[in-house]
Amino acid sequence: MFYLTKLKKLVDELGSDRFILRSYSKSAFYGGTIVDDFYSILNIQPPSSTMVNINPSYSFEALEFKRWLNQFCSPDVALKADKVLQAFGSPSIGFSLINPQTFDLYKLQATDFLKELTNKCSIFGCEQLLEEVQDTKQKDFKNQCLELDDFIKVADYINQQNPDLYKSICYALYLSSYRSCFTNKYGQAFIKKYKLSEVSDRSMFKVKILNFVKRLLGKPAYSAELPFTLSSSDDIDRLRAKLRLGSDVSDVDILRELAFLAEKNHDIGLAYVFMKRAQKLRPNGPLINNKINYYERKIDNATHNK
């Protein structure tokens, strides 16, 4: 009801003559689609391809999988996963996440509100919209809990459709090894296919080079951006100012100390993130490289001992 009550408030404050109100209903759309309906307001001929479905519905399994991904993945990786997940086939396309009692309450509230609003102002197609709301039957109710077997089916589908994407998700998950999204049953099931050392940017170098060549040739390729955004130099500068550190303390020193602190607090994934950033600034540092190898072994061993 949030958007409906906000609309009513605006109509009351500004006057109904300031609005062109249309019913959001397939049975009320002029021409059968929302695009045709909008064009009709402007009295412009719509394009011929308005029936194309550009946003397929998520299956229940894909939706719950996406909710899990959103806990740790960057927007770039999540967007790539979104495109793959929309194509995941499942019988559970039609479903509802609202319990039946709440659904009935929402339906009653929507009906009463629409009747009240139509008495105040003109709404194109309001009769069809009211009829559609009143006749709407709830789809099968599902609790937001994904079975592990179904989770694995979605994970396997991603690996089949886009192995590089799967590895990027794996890498982001390893970097979150100190969080529940890594330690719970879903995280542990997902990383079984690859060790951290197999999905780090060192072993994915060949993929990045191939993608770079593809982009030069004008061919589509997934970006080489890491799935985890590392701290920027501005962040380090702010930290340096807060701690009142002089120029004699390098960015590498700061990042190493942050990694050691995270390691001391058993946040190996976080320590790995800081040390990888230090490695970018000092690629041949023996201590840094030894620590990165240690963190990779530590995370891999902890994973396979579960």
C-alpha atoms as a PDB file:
ATOM      1  CA  MET A   1       0.000   0.000   0.000  1.00  0.00           C
ATOM      2  CA  PHE A   2       3.022   2.316   0.279  1.00  0.00           C
ATOM      3  CA  TYR A   3       2.984   3.478  -3.355  1.00  0.00           C
ATOM      4  CA  LEU A   4      -0.812   3.644  -3.524  1.00  0.00           C
ATOM      5  CA  THR A   5      -1.125   5.838  -0.440  1.00  0.00           C
ATOM      6  CA  LYS A   6       1.729   8.039  -1.680  1.00  0.00           C
ATOM      7  CA  LEU A   7      -0.126   8.465  -4.994  1.00  0.00           C
ATOM      8  CA  LYS A   8      -3.339   9.399  -3.178  1.00  0.00           C
ATOM      9  CA  LYS A   9      -1.469  11.983  -1.086  1.00  0.00           C
ATOM     10  CA  LEU A  10      -0.002  13.596  -4.215  1.00  0.00           C
ATOM     11  CA  VAL A  11      -3.409  13.697  -5.913  1.00  0.00           C
ATOM     12  CA  ASP A  12      -4.909  15.336  -2.821  1.00  0.00           C
ATOM     13  CA  GLU A  13      -2.105  17.904  -2.594  1.00  0.00           C
ATOM     14  CA  LEU A  14      -1.730  18.802  -6.283  1.00  0.00           C
ATOM     15  CA  GLY A  15      -5.199  18.112  -7.661  1.00  0.00           C
ATOM     16  CA  SER A  16      -6.361  15.263  -9.899  1.00  0.00           C
ATOM     17  CA  ASP A  17      -6.229  17.510 -12.986  1.00  0.00           C
ATOM     18  CA  ARG A  18      -2.411  17.434 -12.774  1.00  0.00           C
ATOM     19  CA  PHE A  19      -2.323  13.663 -13.348  1.00  0.00           C
ATOM     20  CA  ILE A  20      -2.968  11.215 -16.174  1.00  0.00           C
ATOM     21  CA  LEU A  21      -3.817   8.008 -14.333  1.00  0.00           C
ATOM     22  CA  ARG A  22      -3.780   4.641 -16.134  1.00  0.00           C
ATOM     23  CA  SER A  23      -4.515   1.167 -14.824  1.00  0.00           C
ATOM     24  CA  TYR A  24      -1.604  -1.212 -14.566  1.00  0.00           C
ATOM     25  CA  SER A  25      -3.427  -4.247 -15.902  1.00  0.00           C
ATOM     26  CA  LYS A  26      -2.998  -6.335 -19.048  1.00  0.00           C
ATOM     27  CA  SER A  27      -6.759  -6.273 -19.554  1.00  0.00           C
ATOM     28  CA  ALA A  28      -6.790  -2.463 -19.311  1.00  0.00           C
ATOM     29  CA  PHE A  29      -3.686  -1.605 -21.386  1.00  0.00           C
ATOM     30  CA  TYR A  30      -4.636   0.106 -24.634  1.00  0.00           C
ATOM     31  CA  GLY A  31      -3.303  -2.210 -27.354  1.00  0.00           C
ATOM     32  CA  GLY A  32      -2.583  -4.987 -24.859  1.00  0.00           C
ATOM     33  CA  THR A  33       0.844  -3.862 -23.588  1.00  0.00           C
ATOM     34  CA  ILE A  34       2.119  -1.082 -21.329  1.00  0.00           C
ATOM     35  CA  VAL A  35       4.245   0.264 -24.218  1.00  0.00           C
ATOM     36  CA  ASP A  36       1.219   0.550 -26.541  1.00  0.00           C
ATOM     37  CA  ASP A  37      -0.731   2.143 -23.689  1.00  0.00           C
ATOM     38  CA  PHE A  38       1.929   4.803 -23.117  1.00  0.00           C
ATOM     39  CA  TYR A  39       2.217   5.624 -26.816  1.00  0.00           C
ATOM     40  CA  SER A  40      -1.552   6.043 -27.014  1.00  0.00           C
ATOM     41  CA  ILE A  41      -1.410   8.859 -24.441  1.00  0.00           C
ATOM     42  CA  LEU A  42       0.959  10.775 -26.733  1.00  0.00           C
ATOM     43  CA  ASN A  43      -1.024   9.812 -29.845  1.00  0.00           C
ATOM     44  CA  ILE A  44       2.100   8.283 -31.418  1.00  0.00           C
ATOM     45  CA  GLN A  45       2.262   5.048 -33.401  1.00  0.00           C
ATOM     46  CA  PRO A  46       3.998   2.413 -31.211  1.00  0.00           C
ATOM     47  CA  PRO A  47       6.844   0.193 -32.501  1.00  0.00           C
ATOM     48  CA  SER A  48       5.930  -3.206 -33.917  1.00  0.00           C
ATOM     49  CA  SER A  49       7.778  -5.328 -31.327  1.00  0.00           C
ATOM     50  CA  THR A  50       5.981  -4.301 -28.131  1.00  0.00           C
ATOM     51  CA  MET A  51       4.996  -7.889 -27.235  1.00  0.00           C
ATOM     52  CA  VAL A  52       8.605  -8.965 -26.615  1.00  0.00           C
ATOM     53  CA  ASN A  53       9.192 -10.109 -23.027  1.00  0.00           C
ATOM     54  CA  ILE A  54      12.459  -8.447 -21.980  1.00  0.00           C
ATOM     55  CA  ASN A  55      12.351  -9.532 -18.328  1.00  0.00           C
ATOM     56  CA  PRO A  56      11.440 -13.215 -17.888  1.00  0.00           C
ATOM     57  CA  SER A  57      10.106 -14.282 -14.499  1.00  0.00           C
ATOM     58  CA  TYR A  58      12.501 -15.887 -12.050  1.00  0.00           C
ATOM     59  CA  SER A  59      11.852 -19.431 -10.937  1.00  0.00           C
ATOM     60  CA  PHE A  60      11.698 -19.900  -7.171  1.00  0.00           C
ATOM     61  CA  GLU A  61      15.070 -21.671  -7.080  1.00  0.00           C
ATOM     62  CA  ALA A  62      16.785 -18.957  -9.137  1.00  0.00           C
ATOM     63  CA  LEU A  63      15.273 -16.175  -7.020  1.00  0.00           C
ATOM     64  CA  GLU A  64      16.462 -17.701  -3.747  1.00  0.00           C
ATOM     65  CA  PHE A  65      19.880 -18.365  -5.277  1.00  0.00           C
ATOM     66  CA  LYS A  66      20.102 -14.692  -6.318  1.00  0.00           C
ATOM     67  CA  ARG A  67      19.214 -13.586  -2.773  1.00  0.00           C
ATOM     68  CA  TRP A  68      22.128 -15.692  -1.516  1.00  0.00           C
ATOM     69  CA  LEU A  69      24.495 -14.167  -4.100  1.00  0.00           C
ATOM     70  CA  ASN A  70      23.547 -10.628  -3.120  1.00  0.00           C
ATOM     71  CA  GLN A  71      25.165 -11.139   0.297  1.00  0.00           C
ATOM     72  CA  PHE A  72      28.712 -11.045  -1.050  1.00  0.00           C
ATOM     73  CA  CYS A  73      28.934 -10.482  -4.827  1.00  0.00           C
ATOM     74  CA  SER A  74      29.778  -7.186  -6.504  1.00  0.00           C
ATOM     75  CA  PRO A  75      27.067  -5.527  -8.641  1.00  0.00           C
ATOM     76  CA  ASP A  76      29.022  -6.442 -11.783  1.00  0.00           C
ATOM     77  CA  VAL A  77      29.048 -10.176 -10.994  1.00  0.00           C
ATOM     78  CA  ALA A  78      25.461 -10.090  -9.698  1.00  0.00           C
ATOM     79  CA  LEU A  79      24.296  -8.550 -12.993  1.00  0.00           C
ATOM     80  CA  LYS A  80      25.977 -11.292 -15.009  1.00  0.00           C
ATOM     81  CA  ALA A  81      24.422 -13.913 -12.740  1.00  0.00           C
ATOM     82  CA  ASP A  82      21.023 -12.260 -13.144  1.00  0.00           C
ATOM     83  CA  LYS A  83      21.080 -12.829 -16.915  1.00  0.00           C
ATOM     84  CA  VAL A  84      21.972 -16.505 -16.487  1.00  0.00           C
ATOM     85  CA  LEU A  85      19.472 -17.119 -13.683  1.00  0.00           C
ATOM     86  CA  GLN A  86      16.561 -15.669 -15.660  1.00  0.00           C
ATOM     87  CA  ALA A  87      17.048 -18.496 -18.167  1.00  0.00           C
ATOM     88  CA  PHE A  88      17.075 -21.237 -15.513  1.00  0.00           C
ATOM     89  CA  GLY A  89      14.122 -23.521 -16.254  1.00  0.00           C
ATOM     90  CA  SER A  90      11.938 -24.860 -13.453  1.00  0.00           C
ATOM     91  CA  PRO A  91       8.300 -25.862 -12.901  1.00  0.00           C
ATOM     92  CA  SER A  92       8.165 -23.341 -10.033  1.00  0.00           C
ATOM     93  CA  ILE A  93       7.705 -20.218 -12.197  1.00  0.00           C
ATOM     94  CA  GLY A  94       4.280 -19.400 -10.710  1.00  0.00           C
ATOM     95  CA  PHE A  95       4.639 -18.905  -6.950  1.00  0.00           C
ATOM     96  CA  SER A  96       3.896 -16.492  -4.111  1.00  0.00           C
ATOM     97  CA  LEU A  97       6.109 -15.568  -1.139  1.00  0.00           C
ATOM     98  CA  ILE A  98       3.190 -14.019   0.792  1.00  0.00           C
ATOM     99  CA  ASN A  99       1.288 -16.241   3.202  1.00  0.00           C
ATOM    100  CA  PRO A 100      -2.390 -16.779   2.232  1.00  0.00           C
ATOM    101  CA  GLN A 101      -3.823 -14.729   5.130  1.00  0.00           C
ATOM    102  CA  THR A 102      -1.669 -11.699   4.245  1.00  0.00           C
ATOM    103  CA  PHE A 103      -2.492 -12.113   0.559  1.00  0.00           C
ATOM    104  CA  ASP A 104      -6.230 -11.931   1.289  1.00  0.00           C
ATOM    105  CA  LEU A 105      -5.679  -8.836   3.439  1.00  0.00           C
ATOM    106  CA  TYR A 106      -3.645  -7.093   0.695  1.00  0.00           C
ATOM    107  CA  LYS A 107      -6.285  -7.953  -1.874  1.00  0.00           C
ATOM    108  CA  LEU A 108      -9.052  -6.446   0.268  1.00  0.00           C
ATOM    109  CA  GLN A 109      -7.002  -3.312   0.972  1.00  0.00           C
ATOM    110  CA  ALA A 110      -6.208  -2.830  -2.726  1.00  0.00           C
ATOM    111  CA  THR A 111      -9.860  -3.214  -3.726  1.00  0.00           C
ATOM    112  CA  ASP A 112     -11.086  -0.706  -1.131  1.00  0.00           C
ATOM    113  CA  PHE A 113      -8.355   1.787  -2.018  1.00  0.00           C
ATOM    114  CA  LEU A 114      -9.001   1.617  -5.756  1.00  0.00           C
ATOM    115  CA  LYS A 115     -12.712   2.184  -5.222  1.00  0.00           C
ATOM    116  CA  GLU A 116     -11.955   5.216  -3.053  1.00  0.00           C
ATOM    117  CA  LEU A 117      -9.484   6.649  -5.588  1.00  0.00           C
ATOM    118  CA  THR A 118     -11.802   6.178  -8.582  1.00  0.00           C
ATOM    119  CA  ASN A 119     -14.447   8.239  -6.764  1.00  0.00           C
ATOM    120  CA  LYS A 120     -11.965  11.133  -6.556  1.00  0.00           C
ATOM    121  CA  CYS A 121     -10.413  11.141 -10.015  1.00  0.00           C
ATOM    122  CA  SER A 122     -10.547   9.611 -13.457  1.00  0.00           C
ATOM    123  CA  ILE A 123      -8.501   6.457 -14.019  1.00  0.00           C
ATOM    124  CA  PHE A 124      -8.350   4.910 -17.477  1.00  0.00           C
ATOM    125  CA  GLY A 125      -9.339   1.217 -17.370  1.00  0.00           C
ATOM    126  CA  CYS A 126     -10.253   1.264 -13.660  1.00  0.00           C
ATOM    127  CA  GLU A 127     -13.167  -1.167 -14.145  1.00  0.00           C
ATOM    128  CA  GLN A 128     -10.869  -3.781 -15.727  1.00  0.00           C
ATOM    129  CA  LEU A 129      -8.254  -3.230 -13.038  1.00  0.00           C
ATOM    130  CA  LEU A 130     -10.764  -3.662 -10.213  1.00  0.00           C
ATOM    131  CA  GLU A 131     -12.130  -6.793 -11.829  1.00  0.00           C
ATOM    132  CA  GLU A 132      -8.640  -8.224 -12.243  1.00  0.00           C
ATOM    133  CA  VAL A 133      -7.741  -7.528  -8.602  1.00  0.00           C
ATOM    134  CA  GLN A 134     -10.960  -9.099  -7.324  1.00  0.00           C
ATOM    135  CA  ASP A 135     -10.568 -12.185  -9.555  1.00  0.00           C
ATOM    136  CA  THR A 136      -6.876 -12.725  -8.838  1.00  0.00           C
ATOM    137  CA  LYS A 137      -6.095 -16.125  -7.325  1.00  0.00           C
ATOM    138  CA  GLN A 138      -2.978 -16.572  -5.277  1.00  0.00           C
ATOM    139  CA  LYS A 139      -0.258 -18.737  -6.795  1.00  0.00           C
ATOM    140  CA  ASP A 140       1.286 -21.572  -4.792  1.00  0.00           C
ATOM    141  CA  PHE A 141       2.724 -20.234  -1.547  1.00  0.00           C
ATOM    142  CA  LYS A 142       6.394 -21.037  -0.885  1.00  0.00           C
ATOM    143  CA  ASN A 143       8.496 -20.410   2.201  1.00  0.00           C
ATOM    144  CA  GLN A 144      11.749 -18.625   1.414  1.00  0.00           C
ATOM    145  CA  CYS A 145      13.961 -21.610   2.085  1.00  0.00           C
ATOM    146  CA  LEU A 146      15.884 -23.321  -0.715  1.00  0.00           C
ATOM    147  CA  GLU A 147      16.645 -27.023  -0.414  1.00  0.00           C
ATOM    148  CA  LEU A 148      20.335 -27.844  -0.803  1.00  0.00           C
ATOM    149  CA  ASP A 149      19.661 -30.185  -3.753  1.00  0.00           C
ATOM    150  CA  ASP A 150      17.852 -27.376  -5.595  1.00  0.00           C
ATOM    151  CA  PHE A 151      20.671 -24.951  -4.755  1.00  0.00           C
ATOM    152  CA  ILE A 152      23.205 -27.348  -6.282  1.00  0.00           C
ATOM    153  CA  LYS A 153      21.082 -27.684  -9.445  1.00  0.00           C
ATOM    154  CA  VAL A 154      21.193 -23.909  -9.942  1.00  0.00           C
ATOM    155  CA  ALA A 155      24.932 -23.796  -9.180  1.00  0.00           C
ATOM    156  CA  ASP A 156      25.612 -26.580 -11.692  1.00  0.00           C
ATOM    157  CA  TYR A 157      23.534 -24.712 -14.280  1.00  0.00           C
ATOM    158  CA  ILE A 158      25.682 -21.582 -13.846  1.00  0.00           C
ATOM    159  CA  ASN A 159      28.849 -23.642 -14.170  1.00  0.00           C
ATOM    160  CA  GLN A 160      27.550 -25.233 -17.385  1.00  0.00           C
ATOM    161  CA  GLN A 161      26.388 -21.957 -18.922  1.00  0.00           C
ATOM    162  CA  ASN A 162      29.283 -19.750 -17.830  1.00  0.00           C
ATOM    163  CA  PRO A 163      32.232 -21.393 -16.039  1.00  0.00           C
ATOM    164  CA  ASP A 164      34.095 -18.077 -15.757  1.00  0.00           C
ATOM    165  CA  LEU A 165      31.132 -16.556 -13.932  1.00  0.00           C
ATOM    166  CA  TYR A 166      31.056 -19.546 -11.576  1.00  0.00           C
ATOM    167  CA  LYS A 167      34.750 -19.000 -10.791  1.00  0.00           C
ATOM    168  CA  SER A 168      34.172 -15.288 -10.173  1.00  0.00           C
ATOM    169  CA  ILE A 169      31.422 -16.127  -7.695  1.00  0.00           C
ATOM    170  CA  CYS A 170      33.709 -18.699  -6.102  1.00  0.00           C
ATOM    171  CA  TYR A 171      36.458 -16.131  -5.728  1.00  0.00           C
ATOM    172  CA  ALA A 172      34.123 -13.585  -4.156  1.00  0.00           C
ATOM    173  CA  LEU A 173      32.899 -16.281  -1.791  1.00  0.00           C
ATOM    174  CA  TYR A 174      36.440 -17.256  -0.745  1.00  0.00           C
ATOM    175  CA  LEU A 175      37.150 -13.609   0.047  1.00  0.00           C
ATOM    176  CA  SER A 176      34.141 -13.741   2.375  1.00  0.00           C
ATOM    177  CA  SER A 177      35.413 -16.812   4.220  1.00  0.00           C
ATOM    178  CA  TYR A 178      34.897 -15.100   7.575  1.00  0.00           C
ATOM    179  CA  ARG A 179      31.138 -14.687   6.917  1.00  0.00           C
ATOM    180  CA  SER A 180      28.199 -17.074   7.249  1.00  0.00           C
ATOM    181  CA  CYS A 181      27.539 -17.035   3.477  1.00  0.00           C
ATOM    182  CA  PHE A 182      30.824 -18.974   3.167  1.00  0.00           C
ATOM    183  CA  THR A 183      30.571 -21.258   6.185  1.00  0.00           C
ATOM    184  CA  ASN A 184      26.916 -22.312   5.740  1.00  0.00           C
ATOM    185  CA  LYS A 185      25.843 -25.349   3.696  1.00  0.00           C
ATOM    186  CA  TYR A 186      25.286 -23.327   0.514  1.00  0.00           C
ATOM    187  CA  GLY A 187      28.720 -21.718   0.534  1.00  0.00           C
ATOM    188  CA  GLN A 188      30.489 -24.990   1.263  1.00  0.00           C
ATOM    189  CA  ALA A 189      28.568 -26.758  -1.513  1.00  0.00           C
ATOM    190  CA  PHE A 190      29.357 -24.032  -4.046  1.00  0.00           C
ATOM    191  CA  ILE A 191      33.150 -23.959  -3.539  1.00  0.00           C
ATOM    192  CA  LYS A 192      33.633 -27.727  -3.806  1.00  0.00           C
ATOM    193  CA  LYS A 193      34.444 -27.475  -7.510  1.00  0.00           C
ATOM    194  CA  TYR A 194      37.412 -25.102  -7.155  1.00  0.00           C
ATOM    195  CA  LYS A 195      40.107 -24.291  -4.617  1.00  0.00           C
ATOM    196  CA  LEU A 196      40.973 -20.661  -3.945  1.00  0.00           C
ATOM    197  CA  SER A 197      44.287 -21.113  -5.745  1.00  0.00           C
ATOM    198  CA  GLU A 198      42.362 -22.240  -8.862  1.00  0.00           C
ATOM    199  CA  VAL A 199      40.135 -19.156  -9.054  1.00  0.00           C
ATOM    200  CA  SER A 200      42.522 -16.416  -7.898  1.00  0.00           C
ATOM    201  CA  ASP A 201      43.534 -13.804 -10.451  1.00  0.00           C
ATOM    202  CA  ARG A 202      46.870 -15.608 -10.921  1.00  0.00           C
ATOM    203  CA  SER A 203      45.229 -18.722 -12.401  1.00  0.00           C
ATOM    204  CA  MET A 204      42.586 -16.652 -14.248  1.00  0.00           C
ATOM    205  CA  PHE A 205      45.250 -14.615 -16.062  1.00  0.00           C
ATOM    206  CA  LYS A 206      44.802 -16.589 -19.294  1.00  0.00           C
ATOM    207  CA  VAL A 207      41.057 -15.912 -19.254  1.00  0.00           C
ATOM    208  CA  LYS A 208      41.666 -12.188 -18.800  1.00  0.00           C
ATOM    209  CA  ILE A 209      44.117 -12.079 -21.717  1.00  0.00           C
ATOM    210  CA  LEU A 210      41.640 -13.926 -23.953  1.00  0.00           C
ATOM    211  CA  ASN A 211      38.875 -11.528 -22.975  1.00  0.00           C
ATOM    212  CA  PHE A 212      41.158  -8.569 -23.717  1.00  0.00           C
ATOM    213  CA  VAL A 213      41.877  -9.940 -27.209  1.00  0.00           C
ATOM    214  CA  LYS A 214      38.156 -10.515 -27.787  1.00  0.00           C
ATOM    215  CA  ARG A 215      37.380  -6.926 -26.857  1.00  0.00           C
ATOM    216  CA  LEU A 216      40.055  -5.677 -29.286  1.00  0.00           C
ATOM    217  CA  LEU A 217      38.367  -7.726 -32.018  1.00  0.00           C
ATOM    218  CA  GLY A 218      34.969  -6.290 -31.121  1.00  0.00           C
ATOM    219  CA  LYS A 219      33.653  -9.583 -29.763  1.00  0.00           C
ATOM    220  CA  PRO A 220      31.603  -9.837 -26.550  1.00  0.00           C
ATOM    221  CA  ALA A 221      33.502 -10.949 -23.490  1.00  0.00           C
ATOM    222  CA  TYR A 222      32.982 -10.855 -19.758  1.00  0.00           C
ATOM    223  CA  SER A 223      34.944  -8.084 -18.108  1.00  0.00           C
ATOM    224  CA  ALA A 224      38.081  -8.968 -16.258  1.00  0.00           C
ATOM    225  CA  GLU A 225      36.993  -7.006 -13.217  1.00  0.00           C
ATOM    226  CA  LEU A 226      37.444  -8.888  -9.989  1.00  0.00           C
ATOM    227  CA  PRO A 227      34.234  -9.807  -8.183  1.00  0.00           C
ATOM    228  CA  PHE A 228      35.395  -8.016  -5.060  1.00  0.00           C
ATOM    229  CA  THR A 229      36.134  -4.292  -5.021  1.00  0.00           C
ATOM    230  CA  LEU A 230      39.419  -3.659  -3.228  1.00  0.00           C
ATOM    231  CA  SER A 231      40.162  -0.516  -1.221  1.00  0.00           C
ATOM    232  CA  SER A 232      41.135   2.518  -3.305  1.00  0.00           C
ATOM    233  CA  SER A 233      44.183   4.702  -2.737  1.00  0.00           C
ATOM    234  CA  ASP A 234      41.822   7.408  -1.422  1.00  0.00           C
ATOM    235  CA  ASP A 235      40.724   5.023   1.341  1.00  0.00           C
ATOM    236  CA  ILE A 236      44.336   4.458   2.353  1.00  0.00           C
ATOM    237  CA  ASP A 237      45.040   8.183   2.318  1.00  0.00           C
ATOM    238  CA  ARG A 238      42.097   8.794   4.669  1.00  0.00           C
ATOM    239  CA  LEU A 239      43.322   6.043   6.976  1.00  0.00           C
ATOM    240  CA  ARG A 240      46.818   7.514   6.906  1.00  0.00           C
ATOM    241  CA  ALA A 241      45.423  10.935   7.899  1.00  0.00           C
ATOM    242  CA  LYS A 242      43.310   9.437  10.711  1.00  0.00           C
ATOM    243  CA  LEU A 243      46.315   7.595  12.168  1.00  0.00           C
ATOM    244  CA  ARG A 244      48.591  10.601  11.540  1.00  0.00           C
ATOM    245  CA  LEU A 245      51.117   8.489   9.666  1.00  0.00           C
ATOM    246  CA  GLY A 246      53.975  10.192   7.861  1.00  0.00           C
ATOM    247  CA  SER A 247      55.214   9.604   4.332  1.00  0.00           C
ATOM    248  CA  ASP A 248      57.853   7.239   5.719  1.00  0.00           C
ATOM    249  CA  VAL A 249      55.079   4.655   6.151  1.00  0.00           C
ATOM    250  CA  SER A 250      54.198   3.281   2.704  1.00  0.00           C
ATOM    251  CA  ASP A 251      50.800   2.155   1.464  1.00  0.00           C
ATOM    252  CA  VAL A 252      52.197  -1.380   1.338  1.00  0.00           C
ATOM    253  CA  ASP A 253      53.129  -1.212   5.029  1.00  0.00           C
ATOM    254  CA  ILE A 254      49.599  -0.088   5.932  1.00  0.00           C
ATOM    255  CA  LEU A 255      47.976  -2.835   3.888  1.00  0.00           C
ATOM    256  CA  ARG A 256      50.277  -5.490   5.325  1.00  0.00           C
ATOM    257  CA  GLU A 257      49.509  -4.419   8.888  1.00  0.00           C
ATOM    258  CA  LEU A 258      45.774  -4.499   8.136  1.00  0.00           C
ATOM    259  CA  ALA A 259      46.217  -8.016   6.768  1.00  0.00           C
ATOM    260  CA  PHE A 260      48.126  -9.113   9.886  1.00  0.00           C
ATOM    261  CA  LEU A 261      45.417  -7.624  12.104  1.00  0.00           C
ATOM    262  CA  ALA A 262      42.671  -9.459  10.181  1.00  0.00           C
ATOM    263  CA  GLU A 263      44.699 -12.677  10.353  1.00  0.00           C
ATOM    264  CA  LYS A 264      45.102 -12.280  14.110  1.00  0.00           C
ATOM    265  CA  ASN A 265      41.329 -11.993  14.385  1.00  0.00           C
ATOM    266  CA  HIS A 266      40.931 -15.158  12.249  1.00  0.00           C
ATOM    267  CA  ASP A 267      39.429 -13.242   9.290  1.00  0.00           C
ATOM    268  CA  ILE A 268      41.617 -14.981   6.720  1.00  0.00           C
ATOM    269  CA  GLY A 269      39.451 -13.904   3.799  1.00  0.00           C
ATOM    270  CA  LEU A 270      39.782 -10.263   4.809  1.00  0.00           C
ATOM    271  CA  ALA A 271      43.520 -10.686   5.367  1.00  0.00           C
ATOM    272  CA  TYR A 272      43.768 -12.121   1.859  1.00  0.00           C
ATOM    273  CA  VAL A 273      41.992  -9.063   0.399  1.00  0.00           C
ATOM    274  CA  PHE A 274      44.410  -6.608   2.040  1.00  0.00           C
ATOM    275  CA  MET A 275      47.484  -8.660   1.140  1.00  0.00           C
ATOM    276  CA  LYS A 276      46.371  -8.981  -2.492  1.00  0.00           C
ATOM    277  CA  ARG A 277      46.139  -5.184  -2.648  1.00  0.00           C
ATOM    278  CA  ALA A 278      49.639  -4.953  -1.203  1.00  0.00           C
ATOM    279  CA  GLN A 279      50.832  -7.398  -3.856  1.00  0.00           C
ATOM    280  CA  LYS A 280      49.557  -5.082  -6.600  1.00  0.00           C
ATOM    281  CA  LEU A 281      51.819  -2.346  -5.212  1.00  0.00           C
ATOM    282  CA  ARG A 282      54.771  -4.677  -4.562  1.00  0.00           C
ATOM    283  CA  PRO A 283      54.444  -7.730  -6.839  1.00  0.00           C
ATOM    284  CA  ASN A 284      57.818  -9.274  -5.960  1.00  0.00           C
ATOM    285  CA  GLY A 285      57.682  -8.861  -2.186  1.00  0.00           C
ATOM    286  CA  PRO A 286      58.676 -12.284  -0.724  1.00  0.00           C
ATOM    287  CA  LEU A 287      56.779 -11.803   2.543  1.00  0.00           C
ATOM    288  CA  ILE A 288      53.624 -10.691   0.721  1.00  0.00           C
ATOM    289  CA  ASN A 289      53.715 -13.578  -1.738  1.00  0.00           C
ATOM    290  CA  ASN A 290      54.432 -16.114   1.006  1.00  0.00           C
ATOM    291  CA  LYS A 291      51.497 -14.773   3.029  1.00  0.00           C
ATOM    292  CA  ILE A 292      49.144 -14.963   0.044  1.00  0.00           C
ATOM    293  CA  ASN A 293      50.140 -18.600  -0.523  1.00  0.00           C
ATOM    294  CA  TYR A 294      49.618 -19.256   3.184  1.00  0.00           C
ATOM    295  CA  TYR A 295      46.154 -17.655   3.159  1.00  0.00           C
ATOM    296  CA  GLU A 296      45.144 -19.662   0.101  1.00  0.00           C
ATOM    297  CA  ARG A 297      46.242 -22.930   1.745  1.00  0.00           C
ATOM    298  CA  LYS A 298      44.558 -21.919   4.998  1.00  0.00           C
ATOM    299  CA  ILE A 299      41.197 -21.270   3.336  1.00  0.00           C
ATOM    300  CA  ASP A 300      41.419 -24.352   1.120  1.00  0.00           C
ATOM    301  CA  ASN A 301      42.334 -26.629   4.042  1.00  0.00           C
ATOM    302  CA  ALA A 302      39.582 -25.179   6.237  1.00  0.00           C
ATOM    303  CA  THR A 303      37.118 -25.762   3.420  1.00  0.00           C
ATOM    304  CA  HIS A 304      38.018 -29.365   2.733  1.00  0.00           C
ATOM    305  CA  ASN A 305      38.192 -30.282   6.418  1.00  0.00           C
ATOM    306  CA  LYS A 306      34.502 -29.369   6.943  1.00  0.00           C
END
